[in-house]
Structure formats: structure tokens, C-alpha cells
């Protein structure tokens, strides 16, 4: 399984992409984007969707959350997340399953759903995703979402660094994009045995409308010219661990963040 293979590579953290050693030593793995927008999580019950190896989950716990539960479909990733929690001395729970089944797996009453970086491109149905978010939140509970900007995912950089459109802005659920990348996004040269993945492009309007239709009102939408990973070769990494286009290439929306509040209980 692709994500089991990736988890084994990512937990070794040969490139320090995930900052495992720093996290264990007491650091926060979140980037300045999430830290500045997430707000005070002190005393909150937090559900982290598609948590992978748990670095962001544990960072939210370190920020003062009363309870943090990470959800992911990869058993290997969750095994590493549980070991990492022990190494970091942080108390967090990790549950295996599909994000679509979050309400039945996690229950309800959470104060915050946190979903970060590289999540919805693996999902074919944003309506189910949004309803899962609503299903675990209490009324008045918040969503915080940060991910690659849909515009950036449409583009690739040519030899001269100029961007050109390669993909449509939306992908039909029945016709996913198919990739066979042998290495992962963390910069490691380790090979992924099960290389094939299936991905979907989602527009900004699809993301927002799915959340609104699930009963979540939108509090803010922000675009950023930086990302925690090198989406195009040759980007520059700053001291804040974020990658940006080089000077002279122009500013491009690379990341999208959304805050929302559940205004009414979802229909049963």
C-alpha cells in the first residue's frame, strides 16, 4: 500500500522534512501559516483528519489541546504516530479508518476539526468529507483547513521556471488522475514499492460549497504564496520552513486556508 510505504520513509525523516527530532525534543511541527491562523486551542477537543504519522496531531496537543484524536486509513502510519507520541511524551489517540466514516469512528462533540496539507487531493467526494467534518463537531465548533491551493495543483514549472497549465481544475469522481511516483514529496531518494496513486483536483468553489452545504459557515478564506513542500523544482526554502517561488517569477497562490464554524447540527 502506497501510504504504508510512505509512512516508513517519512518516519525515518532523512531529509528532516517532518522535523521528527525537533518535535521529540519539544518543538512544534506546524508552520507559521497554521500557527498564526489556528487560534487558541487550549482545553479543546480536537479531531485531526488524515493525520498520517501524527506530527501535526502532536503539535496541536503540545499547543494545549485537552484531547486530540488523529484519524488515518494507514495502519502503518498510525503505528508510527503512536510510537512518536511516546517518544515526544504527548498523550494523543489515533484511530484507523476512512475520513468519510469519522462520525461513527470518533463520535461527536469535538470543538475543532483540523485538517492539514495534502488531504483532499486523495478524496473523490467532498460532500462526504464536509458532512464528516460536521458530524464530529459540536454546534459552534470550528474547522481549520490548510492545503495546497487548487491553482497550484493545476500547474507545472517548465525548464525556465515559467508555470504552464497541465491539469483541469476539477476531476470527475470516476476518472481520477493516476500517478506512479517512485519517490515521496519529502525529498528522500528512498523508493516507494507500491508507487501508484489516484488523485482528484477540486476547485475552490467545490471546497467552499461542500462545507456550506454541510452547515458550516465560512469565517475566513486566505491565500498564501508559500507551502511546506516544494511543489515545483527549484523553489526556495525560507527560514520559516516554507517554500516560495524565486524572485522574479511573480507571486503565485500556493496555499489555501479556510476557517469555518458549524452553525447547525447536520441532518441525520
C-alpha atoms as a PDB file:
ATOM      1  CA  UNK A   1       0.000   0.000   0.000  1.00  0.00           C
ATOM      2  CA  UNK A   2       1.378   3.364  -1.066  1.00  0.00           C
ATOM      3  CA  UNK A   3       0.776   5.216   2.207  1.00  0.00           C
ATOM      4  CA  UNK A   4       2.186   2.410   4.330  1.00  0.00           C
ATOM      5  CA  UNK A   5       5.342   2.641   2.193  1.00  0.00           C
ATOM      6  CA  UNK A   6       5.461   6.413   2.521  1.00  0.00           C
ATOM      7  CA  UNK A   7       4.995   6.247   6.285  1.00  0.00           C
ATOM      8  CA  UNK A   8       8.101   4.065   6.629  1.00  0.00           C
ATOM      9  CA  UNK A   9      10.099   6.625   4.632  1.00  0.00           C
ATOM     10  CA  UNK A  10       8.681   9.672   6.383  1.00  0.00           C
ATOM     11  CA  UNK A  11       9.253   8.437   9.935  1.00  0.00           C
ATOM     12  CA  UNK A  12      12.972   7.960   9.151  1.00  0.00           C
ATOM     13  CA  UNK A  13      12.967  11.651   8.167  1.00  0.00           C
ATOM     14  CA  UNK A  14      16.305  11.505   6.357  1.00  0.00           C
ATOM     15  CA  UNK A  15      15.764  14.997   4.943  1.00  0.00           C
ATOM     16  CA  UNK A  16      14.302  16.481   8.154  1.00  0.00           C
ATOM     17  CA  UNK A  17      11.191  17.378   6.155  1.00  0.00           C
ATOM     18  CA  UNK A  18       8.940  16.381   9.072  1.00  0.00           C
ATOM     19  CA  UNK A  19      11.232  17.654  11.824  1.00  0.00           C
ATOM     20  CA  UNK A  20      10.900  14.457  13.841  1.00  0.00           C
ATOM     21  CA  UNK A  21      13.967  15.032  16.017  1.00  0.00           C
ATOM     22  CA  UNK A  22      12.918  18.602  16.773  1.00  0.00           C
ATOM     23  CA  UNK A  23       9.376  17.502  17.627  1.00  0.00           C
ATOM     24  CA  UNK A  24      10.629  14.869  20.047  1.00  0.00           C
ATOM     25  CA  UNK A  25      12.884  17.498  21.612  1.00  0.00           C
ATOM     26  CA  UNK A  26       9.935  19.830  22.254  1.00  0.00           C
ATOM     27  CA  UNK A  27       9.375  21.811  19.060  1.00  0.00           C
ATOM     28  CA  UNK A  28       6.131  22.457  17.205  1.00  0.00           C
ATOM     29  CA  UNK A  29       5.955  20.891  13.724  1.00  0.00           C
ATOM     30  CA  UNK A  30       3.282  23.271  12.430  1.00  0.00           C
ATOM     31  CA  UNK A  31       4.282  26.006  10.002  1.00  0.00           C
ATOM     32  CA  UNK A  32       3.737  29.725  10.634  1.00  0.00           C
ATOM     33  CA  UNK A  33       0.601  29.574   8.457  1.00  0.00           C
ATOM     34  CA  UNK A  34      -1.284  27.211  10.773  1.00  0.00           C
ATOM     35  CA  UNK A  35       0.150  28.666  13.969  1.00  0.00           C
ATOM     36  CA  UNK A  36      -0.979  32.186  13.044  1.00  0.00           C
ATOM     37  CA  UNK A  37      -4.480  31.147  11.972  1.00  0.00           C
ATOM     38  CA  UNK A  38      -5.407  28.224  14.199  1.00  0.00           C
ATOM     39  CA  UNK A  39      -6.075  30.338  17.253  1.00  0.00           C
ATOM     40  CA  UNK A  40      -6.099  29.258  20.876  1.00  0.00           C
ATOM     41  CA  UNK A  41      -6.642  25.501  21.185  1.00  0.00           C
ATOM     42  CA  UNK A  42      -6.197  25.406  24.949  1.00  0.00           C
ATOM     43  CA  UNK A  43      -8.629  22.983  26.562  1.00  0.00           C
ATOM     44  CA  UNK A  44     -10.272  21.958  23.273  1.00  0.00           C
ATOM     45  CA  UNK A  45     -11.254  18.534  21.966  1.00  0.00           C
ATOM     46  CA  UNK A  46      -9.613  18.288  18.551  1.00  0.00           C
ATOM     47  CA  UNK A  47     -10.076  15.783  15.728  1.00  0.00           C
ATOM     48  CA  UNK A  48      -7.259  15.723  13.178  1.00  0.00           C
ATOM     49  CA  UNK A  49      -8.411  14.226   9.872  1.00  0.00           C
ATOM     50  CA  UNK A  50      -5.891  12.313   7.703  1.00  0.00           C
ATOM     51  CA  UNK A  51      -3.220  12.661  10.356  1.00  0.00           C
ATOM     52  CA  UNK A  52      -0.545  10.423   8.725  1.00  0.00           C
ATOM     53  CA  UNK A  53       2.387   9.873  11.143  1.00  0.00           C
ATOM     54  CA  UNK A  54       1.000  12.320  13.683  1.00  0.00           C
ATOM     55  CA  UNK A  55       3.464  15.215  13.696  1.00  0.00           C
ATOM     56  CA  UNK A  56       0.752  17.868  13.332  1.00  0.00           C
ATOM     57  CA  UNK A  57      -1.585  15.995  15.670  1.00  0.00           C
ATOM     58  CA  UNK A  58       1.028  16.016  18.395  1.00  0.00           C
ATOM     59  CA  UNK A  59       1.879  19.655  17.739  1.00  0.00           C
ATOM     60  CA  UNK A  60      -1.746  20.650  18.386  1.00  0.00           C
ATOM     61  CA  UNK A  61      -1.606  18.682  21.640  1.00  0.00           C
ATOM     62  CA  UNK A  62       1.585  20.496  22.564  1.00  0.00           C
ATOM     63  CA  UNK A  63      -0.246  23.789  21.990  1.00  0.00           C
ATOM     64  CA  UNK A  64      -2.574  22.943  24.880  1.00  0.00           C
ATOM     65  CA  UNK A  65      -5.480  20.949  23.471  1.00  0.00           C
ATOM     66  CA  UNK A  66      -7.209  18.875  26.141  1.00  0.00           C
ATOM     67  CA  UNK A  67      -7.810  15.919  23.826  1.00  0.00           C
ATOM     68  CA  UNK A  68      -6.509  15.207  20.335  1.00  0.00           C
ATOM     69  CA  UNK A  69      -7.571  12.280  18.156  1.00  0.00           C
ATOM     70  CA  UNK A  70      -5.863  11.596  14.831  1.00  0.00           C
ATOM     71  CA  UNK A  71      -7.696   9.667  12.116  1.00  0.00           C
ATOM     72  CA  UNK A  72      -5.996   7.953   9.184  1.00  0.00           C
ATOM     73  CA  UNK A  73      -6.581   4.936   6.959  1.00  0.00           C
ATOM     74  CA  UNK A  74      -2.968   3.677   7.008  1.00  0.00           C
ATOM     75  CA  UNK A  75      -2.245   1.251   9.865  1.00  0.00           C
ATOM     76  CA  UNK A  76       1.494   1.638   9.338  1.00  0.00           C
ATOM     77  CA  UNK A  77       1.272   5.425   9.638  1.00  0.00           C
ATOM     78  CA  UNK A  78      -0.764   5.140  12.832  1.00  0.00           C
ATOM     79  CA  UNK A  79       1.728   2.708  14.332  1.00  0.00           C
ATOM     80  CA  UNK A  80       4.471   5.268  13.763  1.00  0.00           C
ATOM     81  CA  UNK A  81       2.236   8.027  15.156  1.00  0.00           C
ATOM     82  CA  UNK A  82       1.672   6.108  18.395  1.00  0.00           C
ATOM     83  CA  UNK A  83       5.405   5.446  18.774  1.00  0.00           C
ATOM     84  CA  UNK A  84       6.145   9.109  18.074  1.00  0.00           C
ATOM     85  CA  UNK A  85       3.664  10.182  20.755  1.00  0.00           C
ATOM     86  CA  UNK A  86       5.523   8.046  23.291  1.00  0.00           C
ATOM     87  CA  UNK A  87       8.887   9.440  22.221  1.00  0.00           C
ATOM     88  CA  UNK A  88       7.583  13.010  22.489  1.00  0.00           C
ATOM     89  CA  UNK A  89       5.840  12.375  25.804  1.00  0.00           C
ATOM     90  CA  UNK A  90       2.492  13.556  24.458  1.00  0.00           C
ATOM     91  CA  UNK A  91      -0.928  11.999  25.012  1.00  0.00           C
ATOM     92  CA  UNK A  92      -2.923  11.571  21.794  1.00  0.00           C
ATOM     93  CA  UNK A  93      -5.215   8.874  20.433  1.00  0.00           C
ATOM     94  CA  UNK A  94      -5.021   7.512  16.894  1.00  0.00           C
ATOM     95  CA  UNK A  95      -7.894   5.774  15.105  1.00  0.00           C
ATOM     96  CA  UNK A  96      -7.770   3.773  11.876  1.00  0.00           C
ATOM     97  CA  UNK A  97     -10.406   4.292   9.226  1.00  0.00           C
ATOM     98  CA  UNK A  98     -11.735   6.320   6.322  1.00  0.00           C
ATOM     99  CA  UNK A  99     -12.235  10.037   6.805  1.00  0.00           C
ATOM    100  CA  UNK A 100     -15.750   9.573   5.425  1.00  0.00           C
ATOM    101  CA  UNK A 101     -16.572   7.382   8.440  1.00  0.00           C
ATOM    102  CA  UNK A 102     -15.262   9.861  11.017  1.00  0.00           C
ATOM    103  CA  UNK A 103     -18.593  10.383  12.854  1.00  0.00           C
ATOM    104  CA  UNK A 104     -19.052   6.658  13.510  1.00  0.00           C
ATOM    105  CA  UNK A 105     -15.383   6.153  14.339  1.00  0.00           C
ATOM    106  CA  UNK A 106     -14.765   9.195  16.546  1.00  0.00           C
ATOM    107  CA  UNK A 107     -18.199  10.207  17.761  1.00  0.00           C
ATOM    108  CA  UNK A 108     -19.275  13.833  18.049  1.00  0.00           C
ATOM    109  CA  UNK A 109     -18.889  16.852  20.282  1.00  0.00           C
ATOM    110  CA  UNK A 110     -15.451  17.985  19.098  1.00  0.00           C
ATOM    111  CA  UNK A 111     -14.559  21.659  19.409  1.00  0.00           C
ATOM    112  CA  UNK A 112     -12.247  21.693  16.400  1.00  0.00           C
ATOM    113  CA  UNK A 113     -11.596  19.673  13.266  1.00  0.00           C
ATOM    114  CA  UNK A 114      -8.075  20.251  11.988  1.00  0.00           C
ATOM    115  CA  UNK A 115      -7.048  19.124   8.507  1.00  0.00           C
ATOM    116  CA  UNK A 116      -3.647  19.984   7.150  1.00  0.00           C
ATOM    117  CA  UNK A 117      -1.631  19.669   3.929  1.00  0.00           C
ATOM    118  CA  UNK A 118      -2.121  17.071   1.236  1.00  0.00           C
ATOM    119  CA  UNK A 119      -5.542  15.773   2.226  1.00  0.00           C
ATOM    120  CA  UNK A 120      -8.417  16.423  -0.148  1.00  0.00           C
ATOM    121  CA  UNK A 121      -6.480  15.530  -3.308  1.00  0.00           C
ATOM    122  CA  UNK A 122      -6.911  11.892  -2.194  1.00  0.00           C
ATOM    123  CA  UNK A 123     -10.698  12.221  -1.831  1.00  0.00           C
ATOM    124  CA  UNK A 124     -13.260  11.698  -4.579  1.00  0.00           C
ATOM    125  CA  UNK A 125     -16.266  13.161  -2.741  1.00  0.00           C
ATOM    126  CA  UNK A 126     -16.013  16.498  -0.942  1.00  0.00           C
ATOM    127  CA  UNK A 127     -19.668  16.314   0.083  1.00  0.00           C
ATOM    128  CA  UNK A 128     -18.963  13.217   2.188  1.00  0.00           C
ATOM    129  CA  UNK A 129     -15.834  14.873   3.560  1.00  0.00           C
ATOM    130  CA  UNK A 130     -17.666  18.017   4.623  1.00  0.00           C
ATOM    131  CA  UNK A 131     -20.523  16.041   6.181  1.00  0.00           C
ATOM    132  CA  UNK A 132     -17.954  14.004   8.134  1.00  0.00           C
ATOM    133  CA  UNK A 133     -16.488  17.239   9.496  1.00  0.00           C
ATOM    134  CA  UNK A 134     -19.935  18.464  10.503  1.00  0.00           C
ATOM    135  CA  UNK A 135     -20.749  15.075  12.015  1.00  0.00           C
ATOM    136  CA  UNK A 136     -17.933  15.172  14.569  1.00  0.00           C
ATOM    137  CA  UNK A 137     -18.227  18.851  15.525  1.00  0.00           C
ATOM    138  CA  UNK A 138     -20.476  20.264  18.211  1.00  0.00           C
ATOM    139  CA  UNK A 139     -22.675  23.161  17.164  1.00  0.00           C
ATOM    140  CA  UNK A 140     -20.395  26.189  17.388  1.00  0.00           C
ATOM    141  CA  UNK A 141     -17.331  24.017  16.829  1.00  0.00           C
ATOM    142  CA  UNK A 142     -14.685  25.156  14.354  1.00  0.00           C
ATOM    143  CA  UNK A 143     -12.982  23.830  11.250  1.00  0.00           C
ATOM    144  CA  UNK A 144      -9.438  24.768  10.300  1.00  0.00           C
ATOM    145  CA  UNK A 145      -8.283  23.655   6.852  1.00  0.00           C
ATOM    146  CA  UNK A 146      -4.906  24.292   5.187  1.00  0.00           C
ATOM    147  CA  UNK A 147      -3.818  22.707   1.921  1.00  0.00           C
ATOM    148  CA  UNK A 148      -2.201  23.294  -1.442  1.00  0.00           C
ATOM    149  CA  UNK A 149      -4.043  25.914  -3.471  1.00  0.00           C
ATOM    150  CA  UNK A 150      -6.103  24.356  -6.297  1.00  0.00           C
ATOM    151  CA  UNK A 151      -4.484  26.763  -8.772  1.00  0.00           C
ATOM    152  CA  UNK A 152      -1.008  25.491  -7.880  1.00  0.00           C
ATOM    153  CA  UNK A 153      -2.098  21.889  -8.400  1.00  0.00           C
ATOM    154  CA  UNK A 154      -3.176  22.688 -11.972  1.00  0.00           C
ATOM    155  CA  UNK A 155       0.293  23.885 -12.937  1.00  0.00           C
ATOM    156  CA  UNK A 156       3.782  22.561 -13.555  1.00  0.00           C
ATOM    157  CA  UNK A 157       7.017  24.524 -13.892  1.00  0.00           C
ATOM    158  CA  UNK A 158       8.951  24.355 -17.156  1.00  0.00           C
ATOM    159  CA  UNK A 159      12.718  24.413 -17.606  1.00  0.00           C
ATOM    160  CA  UNK A 160      12.778  28.214 -17.357  1.00  0.00           C
ATOM    161  CA  UNK A 161      10.612  28.183 -14.228  1.00  0.00           C
ATOM    162  CA  UNK A 162       7.541  29.507 -16.025  1.00  0.00           C
ATOM    163  CA  UNK A 163       4.284  27.850 -14.984  1.00  0.00           C
ATOM    164  CA  UNK A 164       2.041  26.140 -17.509  1.00  0.00           C
ATOM    165  CA  UNK A 165      -1.342  24.530 -17.006  1.00  0.00           C
ATOM    166  CA  UNK A 166      -1.247  20.733 -17.157  1.00  0.00           C
ATOM    167  CA  UNK A 167      -4.386  19.611 -15.309  1.00  0.00           C
ATOM    168  CA  UNK A 168      -8.034  20.621 -15.339  1.00  0.00           C
ATOM    169  CA  UNK A 169      -9.301  22.469 -12.284  1.00  0.00           C
ATOM    170  CA  UNK A 170     -11.770  19.694 -11.451  1.00  0.00           C
ATOM    171  CA  UNK A 171     -11.505  15.912 -11.755  1.00  0.00           C
ATOM    172  CA  UNK A 172     -14.616  13.740 -12.235  1.00  0.00           C
ATOM    173  CA  UNK A 173     -15.004  11.264  -9.354  1.00  0.00           C
ATOM    174  CA  UNK A 174     -14.996   8.329 -11.761  1.00  0.00           C
ATOM    175  CA  UNK A 175     -11.842   9.456 -13.618  1.00  0.00           C
ATOM    176  CA  UNK A 176      -9.036  10.104 -11.119  1.00  0.00           C
ATOM    177  CA  UNK A 177      -5.593  11.265 -12.123  1.00  0.00           C
ATOM    178  CA  UNK A 178      -3.148   8.352 -11.967  1.00  0.00           C
ATOM    179  CA  UNK A 179       0.453   8.815 -10.850  1.00  0.00           C
ATOM    180  CA  UNK A 180       3.355   6.396 -10.428  1.00  0.00           C
ATOM    181  CA  UNK A 181       5.850   8.485  -8.463  1.00  0.00           C
ATOM    182  CA  UNK A 182       8.667   6.293  -7.181  1.00  0.00           C
ATOM    183  CA  UNK A 183       9.798   8.748  -4.518  1.00  0.00           C
ATOM    184  CA  UNK A 184       7.875  10.832  -1.997  1.00  0.00           C
ATOM    185  CA  UNK A 185       7.452  14.586  -1.584  1.00  0.00           C
ATOM    186  CA  UNK A 186       9.850  14.773   1.387  1.00  0.00           C
ATOM    187  CA  UNK A 187      12.941  14.810  -0.825  1.00  0.00           C
ATOM    188  CA  UNK A 188      14.152  11.347   0.181  1.00  0.00           C
ATOM    189  CA  UNK A 189      15.577   9.130  -2.547  1.00  0.00           C
ATOM    190  CA  UNK A 190      14.048   6.032  -0.949  1.00  0.00           C
ATOM    191  CA  UNK A 191      11.846   4.175  -3.405  1.00  0.00           C
ATOM    192  CA  UNK A 192       8.144   3.559  -2.860  1.00  0.00           C
ATOM    193  CA  UNK A 193       7.370  -0.086  -3.612  1.00  0.00           C
ATOM    194  CA  UNK A 194       3.662   0.481  -4.291  1.00  0.00           C
ATOM    195  CA  UNK A 195       4.029   3.607  -6.387  1.00  0.00           C
ATOM    196  CA  UNK A 196       0.586   4.040  -7.964  1.00  0.00           C
ATOM    197  CA  UNK A 197      -1.774   6.666  -6.535  1.00  0.00           C
ATOM    198  CA  UNK A 198      -5.110   8.134  -7.570  1.00  0.00           C
ATOM    199  CA  UNK A 199      -5.830  11.819  -7.076  1.00  0.00           C
ATOM    200  CA  UNK A 200      -8.608  14.340  -7.668  1.00  0.00           C
ATOM    201  CA  UNK A 201      -8.471  18.055  -8.406  1.00  0.00           C
ATOM    202  CA  UNK A 202     -11.014  20.174  -6.515  1.00  0.00           C
ATOM    203  CA  UNK A 203     -11.869  23.791  -7.215  1.00  0.00           C
ATOM    204  CA  UNK A 204     -12.077  26.490  -4.554  1.00  0.00           C
ATOM    205  CA  UNK A 205     -15.819  26.729  -5.174  1.00  0.00           C
ATOM    206  CA  UNK A 206     -16.264  22.978  -4.700  1.00  0.00           C
ATOM    207  CA  UNK A 207     -14.437  23.105  -1.363  1.00  0.00           C
ATOM    208  CA  UNK A 208     -16.403  26.077  -0.071  1.00  0.00           C
ATOM    209  CA  UNK A 209     -19.780  24.884  -1.313  1.00  0.00           C
ATOM    210  CA  UNK A 210     -19.301  21.421   0.193  1.00  0.00           C
ATOM    211  CA  UNK A 211     -18.637  22.987   3.595  1.00  0.00           C
ATOM    212  CA  UNK A 212     -21.525  25.439   3.326  1.00  0.00           C
ATOM    213  CA  UNK A 213     -23.946  22.692   2.292  1.00  0.00           C
ATOM    214  CA  UNK A 214     -22.859  20.676   5.331  1.00  0.00           C
ATOM    215  CA  UNK A 215     -23.944  23.521   7.633  1.00  0.00           C
ATOM    216  CA  UNK A 216     -20.535  25.119   8.122  1.00  0.00           C
ATOM    217  CA  UNK A 217     -20.363  28.890   7.751  1.00  0.00           C
ATOM    218  CA  UNK A 218     -17.136  30.306   6.357  1.00  0.00           C
ATOM    219  CA  UNK A 219     -15.265  32.639   8.709  1.00  0.00           C
ATOM    220  CA  UNK A 220     -12.220  33.326   6.521  1.00  0.00           C
ATOM    221  CA  UNK A 221     -10.520  32.260   3.294  1.00  0.00           C
ATOM    222  CA  UNK A 222      -6.823  33.077   2.931  1.00  0.00           C
ATOM    223  CA  UNK A 223      -4.355  32.528   0.103  1.00  0.00           C
ATOM    224  CA  UNK A 224      -0.620  32.250   0.683  1.00  0.00           C
ATOM    225  CA  UNK A 225       2.459  32.481  -1.554  1.00  0.00           C
ATOM    226  CA  UNK A 226       4.218  29.699   0.363  1.00  0.00           C
ATOM    227  CA  UNK A 227       3.902  25.965   1.003  1.00  0.00           C
ATOM    228  CA  UNK A 228       5.519  23.451   3.387  1.00  0.00           C
ATOM    229  CA  UNK A 229       6.710  21.389   0.405  1.00  0.00           C
ATOM    230  CA  UNK A 230       8.454  22.006  -2.911  1.00  0.00           C
ATOM    231  CA  UNK A 231       5.603  21.712  -5.379  1.00  0.00           C
ATOM    232  CA  UNK A 232       7.846  22.889  -8.247  1.00  0.00           C
ATOM    233  CA  UNK A 233      11.549  22.087  -8.536  1.00  0.00           C
ATOM    234  CA  UNK A 234      13.862  24.993  -7.845  1.00  0.00           C
ATOM    235  CA  UNK A 235      11.751  26.749  -5.232  1.00  0.00           C
ATOM    236  CA  UNK A 236      13.475  28.499  -2.357  1.00  0.00           C
ATOM    237  CA  UNK A 237      13.073  27.315   1.232  1.00  0.00           C
ATOM    238  CA  UNK A 238      12.950  30.063   3.820  1.00  0.00           C
ATOM    239  CA  UNK A 239      13.977  30.048   7.487  1.00  0.00           C
ATOM    240  CA  UNK A 240      10.293  29.510   8.306  1.00  0.00           C
ATOM    241  CA  UNK A 241      10.497  26.086   6.563  1.00  0.00           C
ATOM    242  CA  UNK A 242       8.138  27.270   3.809  1.00  0.00           C
ATOM    243  CA  UNK A 243       8.899  27.079   0.081  1.00  0.00           C
ATOM    244  CA  UNK A 244       8.327  30.060  -2.234  1.00  0.00           C
ATOM    245  CA  UNK A 245       8.828  30.942  -5.875  1.00  0.00           C
ATOM    246  CA  UNK A 246      12.154  32.612  -6.654  1.00  0.00           C
ATOM    247  CA  UNK A 247      12.393  36.371  -7.037  1.00  0.00           C
ATOM    248  CA  UNK A 248      11.344  37.468 -10.481  1.00  0.00           C
ATOM    249  CA  UNK A 249       8.884  34.636 -11.028  1.00  0.00           C
ATOM    250  CA  UNK A 250       5.956  36.591  -9.651  1.00  0.00           C
ATOM    251  CA  UNK A 251       3.775  35.737  -6.674  1.00  0.00           C
ATOM    252  CA  UNK A 252       1.554  32.690  -7.110  1.00  0.00           C
ATOM    253  CA  UNK A 253      -1.198  31.422  -4.781  1.00  0.00           C
ATOM    254  CA  UNK A 254       0.398  28.261  -3.444  1.00  0.00           C
ATOM    255  CA  UNK A 255      -1.640  27.514  -0.302  1.00  0.00           C
ATOM    256  CA  UNK A 256      -5.262  27.931   0.714  1.00  0.00           C
ATOM    257  CA  UNK A 257      -6.575  28.092   4.273  1.00  0.00           C
ATOM    258  CA  UNK A 258     -10.174  28.168   5.440  1.00  0.00           C
ATOM    259  CA  UNK A 259     -11.800  28.697   8.819  1.00  0.00           C
ATOM    260  CA  UNK A 260     -15.400  27.783   9.479  1.00  0.00           C
ATOM    261  CA  UNK A 261     -17.979  27.269  12.211  1.00  0.00           C
ATOM    262  CA  UNK A 262     -20.723  24.654  12.435  1.00  0.00           C
ATOM    263  CA  UNK A 263     -23.910  26.687  12.786  1.00  0.00           C
ATOM    264  CA  UNK A 264     -26.431  23.863  12.965  1.00  0.00           C
ATOM    265  CA  UNK A 265     -26.426  20.152  13.673  1.00  0.00           C
ATOM    266  CA  UNK A 266     -26.266  18.065  10.477  1.00  0.00           C
ATOM    267  CA  UNK A 267     -29.425  16.235   9.428  1.00  0.00           C
ATOM    268  CA  UNK A 268     -29.472  12.581  10.443  1.00  0.00           C
END
